[in-house]
Amino acid sequence: METNLSCSTEGNNMATRGALVVLEGLDRSGKSSQCSRLVSYLEGQGLPTELWRFPDRTTDVGQMISAYLTNASQLDDHTIHLPFSANHIEWYKAPEIGLLAPDLVAYLDISPDKAAERGGYGDERYEKLEFQKKVTEHYKVLHDASWTVVDAWQPIEDVEKQLQEIVLACVTECQKGKSLSSLWLT
């Protein structure tokens, strides 16, 4: 699951643009909890925010995905790919090539073994240790120098404080005119 947080300022011109922040990590790494906390913090700082989640479980397609993930329905892997793709299209409504790149990708780093110790682990289909170990390997391939890694095994308050600092610094940089960049130009 991917969680995105958009912080903006009124007027949204280049001198005062908002920031696109993405939290990535394994299942049960704390993405949802930390995003909720960040939204509260940033709004408390007077910054309007938007919170986006993928999959978006509020749409019809998203509800189909949710039923699959919580084992309420059974579909083979090839079949479930279609609703995930449709949900992504609902969400973005455009191809990803050339979209704005995030201003910050914060990776909540936790070992699959430690994530498995968290409450609710195993409630969803892909919350299986071997699967999460494979996801970890894929994150290692995707990770680049632009990502900020946060130790998600720290106490929740410590993760929260660290995220507040790096996100606020990112928002400030964007408000000062940081250039926009694009994803996958080709």
N, C-alpha and C. Protein backbone atom coordinates (compact mmCIF):
# COMPACT_ATOMS: atom_id res chain seq x y z
N MET A 1 0.84 -1.17 0.00
CA MET A 1 0.00 0.00 0.00
C MET A 1 0.88 1.23 0.00
N GLU A 2 0.41 2.22 -0.68
CA GLU A 2 1.11 3.47 -0.79
C GLU A 2 0.23 4.55 -0.17
N THR A 3 0.81 5.47 0.54
CA THR A 3 0.07 6.57 1.11
C THR A 3 0.73 7.86 0.69
N ASN A 4 -0.06 8.78 0.16
CA ASN A 4 0.45 10.06 -0.30
C ASN A 4 -0.16 11.18 0.51
N LEU A 5 0.60 12.18 0.77
CA LEU A 5 0.16 13.34 1.51
C LEU A 5 0.54 14.55 0.69
N SER A 6 -0.41 15.41 0.42
CA SER A 6 -0.15 16.63 -0.33
C SER A 6 -0.38 17.80 0.59
N CYS A 7 0.61 18.64 0.72
CA CYS A 7 0.51 19.85 1.53
C CYS A 7 0.56 21.03 0.58
N SER A 8 -0.39 21.92 0.69
CA SER A 8 -0.42 23.04 -0.24
C SER A 8 -0.60 24.34 0.51
N THR A 9 -0.36 25.42 -0.21
CA THR A 9 -0.63 26.74 0.33
C THR A 9 -1.59 27.43 -0.62
N GLU A 10 -2.34 28.37 -0.10
CA GLU A 10 -3.32 29.07 -0.94
C GLU A 10 -2.61 29.75 -2.09
N GLY A 11 -3.28 29.82 -3.22
CA GLY A 11 -2.70 30.45 -4.40
C GLY A 11 -1.95 29.46 -5.25
N ASN A 12 -1.26 28.54 -4.65
CA ASN A 12 -0.57 27.46 -5.34
C ASN A 12 0.30 27.93 -6.50
N ASN A 13 0.92 29.12 -6.39
CA ASN A 13 1.84 29.53 -7.45
C ASN A 13 3.22 28.97 -7.15
N MET A 14 4.13 29.13 -8.07
CA MET A 14 5.45 28.52 -7.92
C MET A 14 6.18 29.01 -6.66
N ALA A 15 5.96 30.26 -6.26
CA ALA A 15 6.66 30.77 -5.09
C ALA A 15 6.13 30.15 -3.80
N THR A 16 4.90 29.67 -3.83
CA THR A 16 4.30 29.14 -2.60
C THR A 16 3.63 27.80 -2.84
N ARG A 17 4.18 27.01 -3.72
CA ARG A 17 3.54 25.73 -4.02
C ARG A 17 3.62 24.78 -2.83
N GLY A 18 2.77 23.79 -2.84
CA GLY A 18 2.78 22.78 -1.80
C GLY A 18 3.82 21.72 -2.08
N ALA A 19 3.72 20.62 -1.35
CA ALA A 19 4.68 19.52 -1.48
C ALA A 19 3.91 18.22 -1.64
N LEU A 20 4.43 17.34 -2.47
CA LEU A 20 3.89 16.00 -2.62
C LEU A 20 4.81 15.06 -1.85
N VAL A 21 4.26 14.46 -0.81
CA VAL A 21 5.02 13.58 0.08
C VAL A 21 4.44 12.18 -0.03
N VAL A 22 5.29 11.18 -0.18
CA VAL A 22 4.86 9.79 -0.29
C VAL A 22 5.48 9.01 0.87
N LEU A 23 4.65 8.26 1.58
CA LEU A 23 5.15 7.33 2.59
C LEU A 23 5.05 5.93 2.01
N GLU A 24 6.15 5.23 2.00
CA GLU A 24 6.22 3.86 1.51
C GLU A 24 6.68 2.96 2.64
N GLY A 25 6.39 1.68 2.52
CA GLY A 25 6.87 0.72 3.49
C GLY A 25 6.05 -0.55 3.44
N LEU A 26 6.53 -1.54 4.14
CA LEU A 26 5.83 -2.82 4.22
C LEU A 26 4.46 -2.64 4.87
N ASP A 27 3.62 -3.66 4.72
CA ASP A 27 2.38 -3.70 5.47
C ASP A 27 2.72 -3.67 6.95
N ARG A 28 1.97 -2.89 7.70
CA ARG A 28 2.14 -2.72 9.15
C ARG A 28 3.42 -1.98 9.53
N SER A 29 3.96 -1.19 8.57
CA SER A 29 5.15 -0.39 8.90
C SER A 29 4.77 0.93 9.56
N GLY A 30 3.49 1.29 9.53
CA GLY A 30 3.03 2.51 10.19
C GLY A 30 2.62 3.62 9.24
N LYS A 31 2.48 3.32 7.95
CA LYS A 31 2.14 4.36 6.97
C LYS A 31 0.84 5.07 7.31
N SER A 32 -0.21 4.33 7.55
CA SER A 32 -1.52 4.94 7.83
C SER A 32 -1.50 5.74 9.12
N SER A 33 -0.92 5.17 10.16
CA SER A 33 -0.85 5.87 11.46
C SER A 33 -0.05 7.16 11.33
N GLN A 34 1.10 7.08 10.69
CA GLN A 34 1.96 8.26 10.59
C GLN A 34 1.35 9.32 9.67
N CYS A 35 0.65 8.90 8.62
CA CYS A 35 0.00 9.89 7.75
C CYS A 35 -1.09 10.64 8.52
N SER A 36 -1.88 9.92 9.29
CA SER A 36 -2.92 10.58 10.08
C SER A 36 -2.30 11.58 11.04
N ARG A 37 -1.21 11.19 11.68
CA ARG A 37 -0.53 12.09 12.61
C ARG A 37 0.07 13.29 11.88
N LEU A 38 0.65 13.06 10.70
CA LEU A 38 1.23 14.16 9.93
C LEU A 38 0.15 15.16 9.49
N VAL A 39 -0.99 14.65 9.04
CA VAL A 39 -2.08 15.54 8.63
C VAL A 39 -2.48 16.43 9.80
N SER A 40 -2.67 15.85 10.97
CA SER A 40 -3.04 16.63 12.16
C SER A 40 -1.98 17.68 12.48
N TYR A 41 -0.73 17.27 12.44
CA TYR A 41 0.37 18.19 12.74
C TYR A 41 0.43 19.33 11.73
N LEU A 42 0.41 19.00 10.44
CA LEU A 42 0.54 20.03 9.40
C LEU A 42 -0.65 20.99 9.41
N GLU A 43 -1.84 20.44 9.59
CA GLU A 43 -3.01 21.31 9.67
C GLU A 43 -2.92 22.20 10.91
N GLY A 44 -2.36 21.68 11.99
CA GLY A 44 -2.11 22.49 13.18
C GLY A 44 -1.11 23.60 12.94
N GLN A 45 -0.24 23.42 11.93
CA GLN A 45 0.71 24.45 11.53
C GLN A 45 0.11 25.42 10.52
N GLY A 46 -1.19 25.22 10.22
CA GLY A 46 -1.88 26.10 9.26
C GLY A 46 -1.68 25.71 7.82
N LEU A 47 -1.22 24.51 7.55
CA LEU A 47 -1.00 24.04 6.18
C LEU A 47 -2.15 23.15 5.74
N PRO A 48 -2.87 23.53 4.69
CA PRO A 48 -3.92 22.64 4.18
C PRO A 48 -3.28 21.35 3.66
N THR A 49 -3.95 20.24 3.85
CA THR A 49 -3.41 18.95 3.41
C THR A 49 -4.48 18.13 2.71
N GLU A 50 -4.04 17.19 1.92
CA GLU A 50 -4.89 16.16 1.32
C GLU A 50 -4.22 14.83 1.58
N LEU A 51 -4.99 13.83 1.92
CA LEU A 51 -4.45 12.49 2.18
C LEU A 51 -5.02 11.55 1.14
N TRP A 52 -4.16 10.85 0.42
CA TRP A 52 -4.57 9.87 -0.57
C TRP A 52 -4.03 8.52 -0.18
N ARG A 53 -4.81 7.48 -0.43
CA ARG A 53 -4.36 6.11 -0.12
C ARG A 53 -4.57 5.23 -1.35
N PHE A 54 -3.68 4.28 -1.52
CA PHE A 54 -3.86 3.28 -2.57
C PHE A 54 -3.64 1.92 -1.95
N PRO A 55 -4.53 0.97 -2.16
CA PRO A 55 -5.73 1.15 -2.96
C PRO A 55 -6.76 2.02 -2.24
N ASP A 56 -7.55 2.73 -3.04
CA ASP A 56 -8.62 3.56 -2.52
C ASP A 56 -9.83 2.65 -2.31
N ARG A 57 -10.10 2.32 -1.09
CA ARG A 57 -11.14 1.35 -0.77
C ARG A 57 -12.54 1.97 -0.71
N THR A 58 -12.65 3.25 -1.09
CA THR A 58 -13.96 3.91 -1.06
C THR A 58 -14.72 3.76 -2.37
N THR A 59 -14.04 3.40 -3.45
CA THR A 59 -14.71 3.25 -4.74
C THR A 59 -15.23 1.82 -4.88
N ASP A 60 -16.07 1.59 -5.90
CA ASP A 60 -16.59 0.24 -6.13
C ASP A 60 -15.44 -0.75 -6.39
N VAL A 61 -14.50 -0.34 -7.24
CA VAL A 61 -13.36 -1.21 -7.53
C VAL A 61 -12.51 -1.39 -6.27
N GLY A 62 -12.33 -0.32 -5.52
CA GLY A 62 -11.56 -0.41 -4.28
C GLY A 62 -12.20 -1.35 -3.28
N GLN A 63 -13.52 -1.39 -3.23
CA GLN A 63 -14.21 -2.31 -2.33
C GLN A 63 -14.00 -3.75 -2.77
N MET A 64 -13.92 -3.97 -4.09
CA MET A 64 -13.63 -5.31 -4.60
C MET A 64 -12.22 -5.74 -4.18
N ILE A 65 -11.28 -4.81 -4.27
CA ILE A 65 -9.90 -5.09 -3.86
C ILE A 65 -9.87 -5.38 -2.36
N SER A 66 -10.56 -4.58 -1.58
CA SER A 66 -10.59 -4.77 -0.13
C SER A 66 -11.14 -6.14 0.23
N ALA A 67 -12.22 -6.55 -0.45
CA ALA A 67 -12.79 -7.87 -0.19
C ALA A 67 -11.77 -8.97 -0.49
N TYR A 68 -11.01 -8.79 -1.55
CA TYR A 68 -9.97 -9.75 -1.90
C TYR A 68 -8.87 -9.78 -0.83
N LEU A 69 -8.40 -8.57 -0.44
CA LEU A 69 -7.30 -8.49 0.51
C LEU A 69 -7.66 -9.05 1.88
N THR A 70 -8.92 -8.91 2.26
CA THR A 70 -9.35 -9.40 3.58
C THR A 70 -9.90 -10.83 3.49
N ASN A 71 -9.66 -11.47 2.35
CA ASN A 71 -10.06 -12.85 2.12
C ASN A 71 -11.57 -13.07 2.11
N ALA A 72 -12.34 -12.00 1.87
CA ALA A 72 -13.80 -12.13 1.77
C ALA A 72 -14.21 -12.62 0.39
N SER A 73 -13.30 -12.53 -0.59
CA SER A 73 -13.57 -13.07 -1.92
C SER A 73 -12.30 -13.74 -2.43
N GLN A 74 -12.48 -14.67 -3.36
CA GLN A 74 -11.35 -15.43 -3.90
C GLN A 74 -11.21 -15.14 -5.39
N LEU A 75 -10.04 -14.69 -5.80
CA LEU A 75 -9.73 -14.45 -7.20
C LEU A 75 -8.31 -14.93 -7.45
N ASP A 76 -8.03 -15.38 -8.68
CA ASP A 76 -6.65 -15.77 -8.96
C ASP A 76 -5.81 -14.51 -9.18
N ASP A 77 -4.50 -14.66 -9.13
CA ASP A 77 -3.60 -13.51 -9.19
C ASP A 77 -3.76 -12.70 -10.47
N HIS A 78 -4.01 -13.35 -11.60
CA HIS A 78 -4.17 -12.62 -12.86
C HIS A 78 -5.46 -11.81 -12.86
N THR A 79 -6.50 -12.37 -12.28
CA THR A 79 -7.79 -11.68 -12.24
C THR A 79 -7.74 -10.47 -11.33
N ILE A 80 -7.12 -10.57 -10.17
CA ILE A 80 -7.08 -9.45 -9.23
C ILE A 80 -6.23 -8.31 -9.75
N HIS A 81 -5.31 -8.59 -10.66
CA HIS A 81 -4.50 -7.51 -11.24
C HIS A 81 -5.39 -6.47 -11.93
N LEU A 82 -6.46 -6.91 -12.57
CA LEU A 82 -7.34 -5.98 -13.29
C LEU A 82 -7.99 -4.95 -12.36
N PRO A 83 -8.60 -5.35 -11.23
CA PRO A 83 -9.15 -4.32 -10.34
C PRO A 83 -8.08 -3.39 -9.76
N PHE A 84 -6.88 -3.91 -9.46
CA PHE A 84 -5.83 -3.03 -8.98
C PHE A 84 -5.49 -1.99 -10.04
N SER A 85 -5.39 -2.42 -11.29
CA SER A 85 -5.10 -1.48 -12.37
C SER A 85 -6.23 -0.48 -12.55
N ALA A 86 -7.46 -0.96 -12.50
CA ALA A 86 -8.62 -0.07 -12.63
C ALA A 86 -8.66 0.94 -11.49
N ASN A 87 -8.35 0.50 -10.28
CA ASN A 87 -8.35 1.40 -9.13
C ASN A 87 -7.27 2.47 -9.30
N HIS A 88 -6.14 2.05 -9.84
CA HIS A 88 -5.06 3.01 -10.08
C HIS A 88 -5.52 4.05 -11.10
N ILE A 89 -6.21 3.62 -12.16
CA ILE A 89 -6.72 4.55 -13.17
C ILE A 89 -7.76 5.47 -12.56
N GLU A 90 -8.67 4.92 -11.73
CA GLU A 90 -9.64 5.76 -11.02
C GLU A 90 -8.91 6.84 -10.25
N TRP A 91 -7.81 6.44 -9.67
CA TRP A 91 -7.07 7.31 -8.78
C TRP A 91 -6.32 8.39 -9.53
N TYR A 92 -5.59 8.02 -10.53
CA TYR A 92 -4.75 8.97 -11.25
C TYR A 92 -5.44 9.57 -12.46
N LYS A 93 -6.32 8.81 -13.10
CA LYS A 93 -7.04 9.25 -14.28
C LYS A 93 -6.10 9.64 -15.43
N ALA A 94 -4.88 9.17 -15.41
CA ALA A 94 -3.93 9.48 -16.47
C ALA A 94 -2.74 8.54 -16.36
N PRO A 95 -2.01 8.34 -17.46
CA PRO A 95 -0.80 7.53 -17.36
C PRO A 95 0.19 8.18 -16.41
N GLU A 96 1.04 7.37 -15.80
CA GLU A 96 1.99 7.89 -14.82
C GLU A 96 3.19 8.56 -15.45
N ILE A 97 3.49 8.24 -16.69
CA ILE A 97 4.66 8.85 -17.32
C ILE A 97 4.45 10.35 -17.40
N GLY A 98 5.42 11.09 -16.90
CA GLY A 98 5.36 12.54 -16.95
C GLY A 98 4.61 13.18 -15.78
N LEU A 99 4.03 12.39 -14.90
CA LEU A 99 3.39 12.97 -13.72
C LEU A 99 4.44 13.60 -12.82
N LEU A 100 3.99 14.46 -11.94
CA LEU A 100 4.92 15.07 -11.00
C LEU A 100 5.56 14.01 -10.12
N ALA A 101 6.84 14.16 -9.92
CA ALA A 101 7.54 13.28 -8.98
C ALA A 101 7.29 13.79 -7.57
N PRO A 102 7.27 12.89 -6.61
CA PRO A 102 7.11 13.35 -5.22
C PRO A 102 8.27 14.27 -4.83
N ASP A 103 7.96 15.23 -3.98
CA ASP A 103 9.01 16.08 -3.42
C ASP A 103 9.77 15.34 -2.33
N LEU A 104 9.10 14.36 -1.73
CA LEU A 104 9.72 13.57 -0.68
C LEU A 104 9.13 12.17 -0.72
N VAL A 105 9.99 11.17 -0.70
CA VAL A 105 9.57 9.79 -0.47
C VAL A 105 10.21 9.38 0.84
N ALA A 106 9.38 9.13 1.84
CA ALA A 106 9.87 8.66 3.13
C ALA A 106 9.55 7.18 3.23
N TYR A 107 10.58 6.38 3.33
CA TYR A 107 10.42 4.93 3.42
C TYR A 107 10.46 4.52 4.88
N LEU A 108 9.35 3.97 5.36
CA LEU A 108 9.28 3.50 6.74
C LEU A 108 9.87 2.10 6.78
N ASP A 109 11.10 2.03 7.20
CA ASP A 109 11.89 0.81 7.15
C ASP A 109 11.67 -0.04 8.40
N ILE A 110 11.20 -1.24 8.17
CA ILE A 110 11.01 -2.21 9.26
C ILE A 110 11.23 -3.59 8.66
N SER A 111 11.85 -4.47 9.41
CA SER A 111 12.06 -5.82 8.89
C SER A 111 10.71 -6.55 8.84
N PRO A 112 10.55 -7.47 7.90
CA PRO A 112 9.31 -8.22 7.84
C PRO A 112 9.00 -8.95 9.15
N ASP A 113 10.04 -9.45 9.82
CA ASP A 113 9.83 -10.14 11.09
C ASP A 113 9.25 -9.21 12.16
N LYS A 114 9.79 -7.99 12.23
CA LYS A 114 9.29 -7.02 13.21
C LYS A 114 7.88 -6.56 12.85
N ALA A 115 7.61 -6.35 11.56
CA ALA A 115 6.27 -5.94 11.13
C ALA A 115 5.24 -7.01 11.51
N ALA A 116 5.65 -8.27 11.44
CA ALA A 116 4.75 -9.38 11.76
C ALA A 116 4.36 -9.39 13.24
N GLU A 117 5.13 -8.71 14.07
CA GLU A 117 4.83 -8.65 15.50
C GLU A 117 3.77 -7.61 15.83
N ARG A 118 3.41 -6.77 14.86
CA ARG A 118 2.47 -5.68 15.11
C ARG A 118 1.03 -6.18 15.08
N GLY A 119 0.19 -5.48 15.79
CA GLY A 119 -1.23 -5.84 15.89
C GLY A 119 -1.91 -5.88 14.54
N GLY A 120 -2.77 -6.85 14.35
CA GLY A 120 -3.54 -6.98 13.12
C GLY A 120 -2.79 -7.65 11.99
N TYR A 121 -1.51 -7.99 12.20
CA TYR A 121 -0.73 -8.61 11.13
C TYR A 121 -1.37 -9.94 10.75
N GLY A 122 -1.51 -10.16 9.44
CA GLY A 122 -2.09 -11.39 8.94
C GLY A 122 -3.57 -11.26 8.63
N ASP A 123 -4.17 -10.11 8.94
CA ASP A 123 -5.59 -9.91 8.65
C ASP A 123 -5.84 -9.81 7.15
N GLU A 124 -4.83 -9.40 6.40
CA GLU A 124 -4.99 -9.27 4.96
C GLU A 124 -4.13 -10.29 4.23
N ARG A 125 -4.58 -10.61 3.04
CA ARG A 125 -4.03 -11.68 2.21
C ARG A 125 -2.51 -11.63 2.06
N TYR A 126 -1.94 -10.46 1.83
CA TYR A 126 -0.51 -10.36 1.54
C TYR A 126 0.32 -10.12 2.80
N GLU A 127 -0.30 -10.14 3.95
CA GLU A 127 0.45 -10.01 5.20
C GLU A 127 0.95 -11.38 5.64
N LYS A 128 1.82 -11.91 4.81
CA LYS A 128 2.48 -13.19 5.04
C LYS A 128 3.98 -12.93 5.02
N LEU A 129 4.69 -13.52 5.95
CA LEU A 129 6.10 -13.23 6.12
C LEU A 129 6.92 -13.42 4.84
N GLU A 130 6.74 -14.53 4.15
CA GLU A 130 7.52 -14.77 2.94
C GLU A 130 7.22 -13.74 1.85
N PHE A 131 5.95 -13.37 1.72
CA PHE A 131 5.57 -12.37 0.73
C PHE A 131 6.20 -11.01 1.09
N GLN A 132 6.13 -10.62 2.36
CA GLN A 132 6.68 -9.34 2.79
C GLN A 132 8.20 -9.31 2.64
N LYS A 133 8.85 -10.46 2.77
CA LYS A 133 10.30 -10.52 2.53
C LYS A 133 10.60 -10.22 1.06
N LYS A 134 9.75 -10.71 0.16
CA LYS A 134 9.93 -10.42 -1.27
C LYS A 134 9.68 -8.94 -1.55
N VAL A 135 8.67 -8.36 -0.89
CA VAL A 135 8.38 -6.94 -1.04
C VAL A 135 9.59 -6.12 -0.59
N THR A 136 10.20 -6.52 0.52
CA THR A 136 11.39 -5.83 1.02
C THR A 136 12.49 -5.83 -0.04
N GLU A 137 12.69 -6.96 -0.70
CA GLU A 137 13.71 -7.04 -1.74
C GLU A 137 13.38 -6.10 -2.90
N HIS A 138 12.12 -5.98 -3.26
CA HIS A 138 11.72 -5.07 -4.33
C HIS A 138 11.94 -3.61 -3.91
N TYR A 139 11.64 -3.28 -2.66
CA TYR A 139 11.91 -1.93 -2.19
C TYR A 139 13.39 -1.61 -2.27
N LYS A 140 14.25 -2.59 -2.01
CA LYS A 140 15.69 -2.37 -2.10
C LYS A 140 16.09 -2.02 -3.54
N VAL A 141 15.41 -2.61 -4.51
CA VAL A 141 15.69 -2.31 -5.92
C VAL A 141 15.17 -0.92 -6.28
N LEU A 142 13.97 -0.58 -5.80
CA LEU A 142 13.36 0.71 -6.12
C LEU A 142 14.02 1.88 -5.42
N HIS A 143 14.52 1.64 -4.22
CA HIS A 143 15.09 2.70 -3.39
C HIS A 143 16.23 3.39 -4.12
N ASP A 144 16.23 4.71 -4.06
CA ASP A 144 17.37 5.44 -4.59
C ASP A 144 17.77 6.54 -3.61
N ALA A 145 18.77 7.29 -3.97
CA ALA A 145 19.34 8.29 -3.06
C ALA A 145 18.35 9.39 -2.69
N SER A 146 17.29 9.56 -3.48
CA SER A 146 16.33 10.62 -3.17
C SER A 146 15.38 10.25 -2.02
N TRP A 147 15.31 8.97 -1.67
CA TRP A 147 14.42 8.54 -0.60
C TRP A 147 15.02 8.85 0.75
N THR A 148 14.16 9.17 1.70
CA THR A 148 14.58 9.34 3.08
C THR A 148 14.11 8.11 3.85
N VAL A 149 15.03 7.43 4.50
CA VAL A 149 14.69 6.21 5.22
C VAL A 149 14.47 6.55 6.69
N VAL A 150 13.34 6.08 7.22
CA VAL A 150 12.99 6.30 8.62
C VAL A 150 12.86 4.93 9.28
N ASP A 151 13.54 4.74 10.39
CA ASP A 151 13.47 3.48 11.13
C ASP A 151 12.09 3.37 11.77
N ALA A 152 11.24 2.52 11.20
CA ALA A 152 9.85 2.39 11.66
C ALA A 152 9.72 1.48 12.88
N TRP A 153 10.82 0.93 13.36
CA TRP A 153 10.76 0.09 14.55
C TRP A 153 10.93 0.93 15.82
N GLN A 154 11.25 2.20 15.65
CA GLN A 154 11.35 3.11 16.79
C GLN A 154 9.95 3.27 17.41
N PRO A 155 9.88 3.81 18.61
CA PRO A 155 8.56 4.13 19.18
C PRO A 155 7.78 5.05 18.24
N ILE A 156 6.48 4.88 18.18
CA ILE A 156 5.62 5.62 17.26
C ILE A 156 5.81 7.13 17.36
N GLU A 157 6.04 7.62 18.57
CA GLU A 157 6.23 9.06 18.78
C GLU A 157 7.55 9.53 18.17
N ASP A 158 8.58 8.69 18.21
CA ASP A 158 9.87 9.05 17.61
C ASP A 158 9.77 9.10 16.09
N VAL A 159 9.07 8.12 15.51
CA VAL A 159 8.85 8.12 14.06
C VAL A 159 8.06 9.37 13.68
N GLU A 160 7.02 9.66 14.46
CA GLU A 160 6.18 10.83 14.21
C GLU A 160 7.02 12.11 14.20
N LYS A 161 7.86 12.29 15.21
CA LYS A 161 8.69 13.49 15.32
C LYS A 161 9.65 13.60 14.15
N GLN A 162 10.27 12.50 13.78
CA GLN A 162 11.21 12.52 12.66
C GLN A 162 10.49 12.88 11.37
N LEU A 163 9.31 12.30 11.15
CA LEU A 163 8.54 12.61 9.94
C LEU A 163 8.10 14.07 9.93
N GLN A 164 7.68 14.59 11.06
CA GLN A 164 7.29 16.00 11.14
C GLN A 164 8.44 16.89 10.68
N GLU A 165 9.63 16.60 11.17
CA GLU A 165 10.80 17.43 10.83
C GLU A 165 11.12 17.36 9.34
N ILE A 166 11.17 16.15 8.77
CA ILE A 166 11.57 16.05 7.36
C ILE A 166 10.47 16.56 6.43
N VAL A 167 9.20 16.35 6.79
CA VAL A 167 8.11 16.83 5.95
C VAL A 167 8.02 18.35 6.02
N LEU A 168 8.13 18.91 7.20
CA LEU A 168 8.08 20.36 7.32
C LEU A 168 9.24 21.01 6.56
N ALA A 169 10.42 20.42 6.62
CA ALA A 169 11.56 20.93 5.86
C ALA A 169 11.27 20.86 4.35
N CYS A 170 10.64 19.79 3.91
CA CYS A 170 10.28 19.63 2.50
C CYS A 170 9.26 20.67 2.08
N VAL A 171 8.22 20.87 2.90
CA VAL A 171 7.19 21.86 2.59
C VAL A 171 7.82 23.25 2.49
N THR A 172 8.70 23.57 3.42
CA THR A 172 9.36 24.88 3.43
C THR A 172 10.18 25.06 2.15
N GLU A 173 10.91 24.03 1.77
CA GLU A 173 11.72 24.09 0.55
C GLU A 173 10.84 24.31 -0.68
N CYS A 174 9.70 23.64 -0.73
CA CYS A 174 8.78 23.80 -1.85
C CYS A 174 8.18 25.20 -1.88
N GLN A 175 7.84 25.72 -0.71
CA GLN A 175 7.28 27.07 -0.64
C GLN A 175 8.29 28.12 -1.10
N LYS A 176 9.56 27.80 -0.97
CA LYS A 176 10.62 28.73 -1.39
C LYS A 176 10.94 28.59 -2.88
N GLY A 177 10.20 27.73 -3.59
CA GLY A 177 10.38 27.66 -5.04
C GLY A 177 11.13 26.47 -5.56
N LYS A 178 11.23 25.38 -4.80
CA LYS A 178 11.88 24.18 -5.32
C LYS A 178 11.26 23.82 -6.66
N SER A 179 12.08 23.48 -7.62
CA SER A 179 11.60 23.13 -8.95
C SER A 179 10.80 21.85 -8.93
N LEU A 180 9.80 21.79 -9.79
CA LEU A 180 9.03 20.57 -9.98
C LEU A 180 9.83 19.60 -10.83
N SER A 181 9.63 18.31 -10.64
CA SER A 181 10.25 17.30 -11.49
C SER A 181 9.20 16.26 -11.86
N SER A 182 9.50 15.49 -12.89
CA SER A 182 8.54 14.53 -13.41
C SER A 182 9.01 13.10 -13.18
N LEU A 183 8.03 12.20 -13.13
CA LEU A 183 8.32 10.77 -13.07
C LEU A 183 8.59 10.25 -14.47
N TRP A 184 9.46 9.31 -14.58
CA TRP A 184 9.63 8.51 -15.79
C TRP A 184 9.31 9.28 -17.06
N LEU A 185 10.25 10.03 -17.52
CA LEU A 185 10.02 10.87 -18.69
C LEU A 185 9.79 10.07 -19.96
N THR A 186 10.19 8.80 -19.96
CA THR A 186 9.94 7.96 -21.15
C THR A 186 9.34 6.65 -20.73
